[in-house]
């Protein structure tokens, strides 16, 4: 996901996407603890997506 994709979305859409990504991050961390995660780099990607969403939300608030 790129910032350009998030730029045209409304705040409510961004908040919903943020909620989905946080749930995904939680499940990935659970899989990591139980040794079911094959690619640990997925956690890094989801964390970066969450940061991009936070950036888009703060840019709309200004």
C-alpha atoms as a PDB file:
ATOM      1  CA  UNK A   1       0.000   0.000   0.000  1.00  0.00           C
ATOM      2  CA  UNK A   2       1.283   3.415  -0.918  1.00  0.00           C
ATOM      3  CA  UNK A   3       0.444   6.815   0.502  1.00  0.00           C
ATOM      4  CA  UNK A   4      -1.018   7.863  -2.847  1.00  0.00           C
ATOM      5  CA  UNK A   5      -3.664   5.154  -2.473  1.00  0.00           C
ATOM      6  CA  UNK A   6      -4.697   6.588   0.894  1.00  0.00           C
ATOM      7  CA  UNK A   7      -4.687  10.231  -0.138  1.00  0.00           C
ATOM      8  CA  UNK A   8      -8.149  10.249  -1.746  1.00  0.00           C
ATOM      9  CA  UNK A   9      -9.980   8.352   1.013  1.00  0.00           C
ATOM     10  CA  UNK A  10     -12.163   9.936   3.659  1.00  0.00           C
ATOM     11  CA  UNK A  11     -11.352   9.894   7.351  1.00  0.00           C
ATOM     12  CA  UNK A  12     -13.986   7.268   8.124  1.00  0.00           C
ATOM     13  CA  UNK A  13     -12.574   4.959   5.432  1.00  0.00           C
ATOM     14  CA  UNK A  14      -9.074   5.463   6.812  1.00  0.00           C
ATOM     15  CA  UNK A  15     -10.199   4.671  10.346  1.00  0.00           C
ATOM     16  CA  UNK A  16     -11.881   1.469   9.160  1.00  0.00           C
ATOM     17  CA  UNK A  17      -8.726   0.475   7.267  1.00  0.00           C
ATOM     18  CA  UNK A  18      -6.651   1.250  10.351  1.00  0.00           C
ATOM     19  CA  UNK A  19      -8.836  -1.037  12.445  1.00  0.00           C
ATOM     20  CA  UNK A  20      -8.435  -3.863   9.910  1.00  0.00           C
ATOM     21  CA  UNK A  21      -4.648  -3.463   9.825  1.00  0.00           C
ATOM     22  CA  UNK A  22      -4.392  -3.491  13.625  1.00  0.00           C
ATOM     23  CA  UNK A  23      -6.392  -6.721  13.779  1.00  0.00           C
ATOM     24  CA  UNK A  24      -4.131  -8.184  11.094  1.00  0.00           C
ATOM     25  CA  UNK A  25      -1.049  -7.134  13.073  1.00  0.00           C
ATOM     26  CA  UNK A  26      -2.451  -8.813  16.172  1.00  0.00           C
ATOM     27  CA  UNK A  27      -3.053 -12.084  14.323  1.00  0.00           C
ATOM     28  CA  UNK A  28       0.407 -11.978  12.747  1.00  0.00           C
ATOM     29  CA  UNK A  29       2.004 -11.514  16.156  1.00  0.00           C
ATOM     30  CA  UNK A  30       0.009 -14.453  17.504  1.00  0.00           C
ATOM     31  CA  UNK A  31       1.166 -16.607  14.598  1.00  0.00           C
ATOM     32  CA  UNK A  32       4.750 -15.546  15.237  1.00  0.00           C
ATOM     33  CA  UNK A  33       4.538 -16.626  18.870  1.00  0.00           C
ATOM     34  CA  UNK A  34       3.093 -20.021  17.939  1.00  0.00           C
ATOM     35  CA  UNK A  35       5.656 -20.542  15.156  1.00  0.00           C
ATOM     36  CA  UNK A  36       3.012 -20.558  12.402  1.00  0.00           C
ATOM     37  CA  UNK A  37       4.258 -17.459  10.590  1.00  0.00           C
ATOM     38  CA  UNK A  38       6.397 -18.325   7.574  1.00  0.00           C
ATOM     39  CA  UNK A  39       7.410 -14.780   6.606  1.00  0.00           C
ATOM     40  CA  UNK A  40       8.165 -12.480   9.564  1.00  0.00           C
ATOM     41  CA  UNK A  41       8.608  -9.539   7.192  1.00  0.00           C
ATOM     42  CA  UNK A  42       4.817  -9.340   6.951  1.00  0.00           C
ATOM     43  CA  UNK A  43       4.777  -7.761  10.404  1.00  0.00           C
ATOM     44  CA  UNK A  44       7.083  -4.994   9.212  1.00  0.00           C
ATOM     45  CA  UNK A  45       4.901  -4.315   6.179  1.00  0.00           C
ATOM     46  CA  UNK A  46       1.724  -4.084   8.257  1.00  0.00           C
ATOM     47  CA  UNK A  47       3.395  -1.751  10.766  1.00  0.00           C
ATOM     48  CA  UNK A  48       4.457   0.523   7.920  1.00  0.00           C
ATOM     49  CA  UNK A  49       0.936   0.473   6.490  1.00  0.00           C
ATOM     50  CA  UNK A  50      -0.409   1.525   9.883  1.00  0.00           C
ATOM     51  CA  UNK A  51       2.091   4.387   9.988  1.00  0.00           C
ATOM     52  CA  UNK A  52       1.044   5.492   6.490  1.00  0.00           C
ATOM     53  CA  UNK A  53      -2.607   5.484   7.542  1.00  0.00           C
ATOM     54  CA  UNK A  54      -1.784   7.573  10.623  1.00  0.00           C
ATOM     55  CA  UNK A  55       0.094  10.020   8.391  1.00  0.00           C
ATOM     56  CA  UNK A  56      -2.870  10.322   6.015  1.00  0.00           C
ATOM     57  CA  UNK A  57      -5.281  10.911   8.915  1.00  0.00           C
ATOM     58  CA  UNK A  58      -3.103  13.625  10.437  1.00  0.00           C
ATOM     59  CA  UNK A  59      -2.658  15.288   7.042  1.00  0.00           C
ATOM     60  CA  UNK A  60      -6.436  15.505   6.622  1.00  0.00           C
ATOM     61  CA  UNK A  61      -6.886  16.997  10.080  1.00  0.00           C
ATOM     62  CA  UNK A  62      -4.556  19.906   9.324  1.00  0.00           C
END
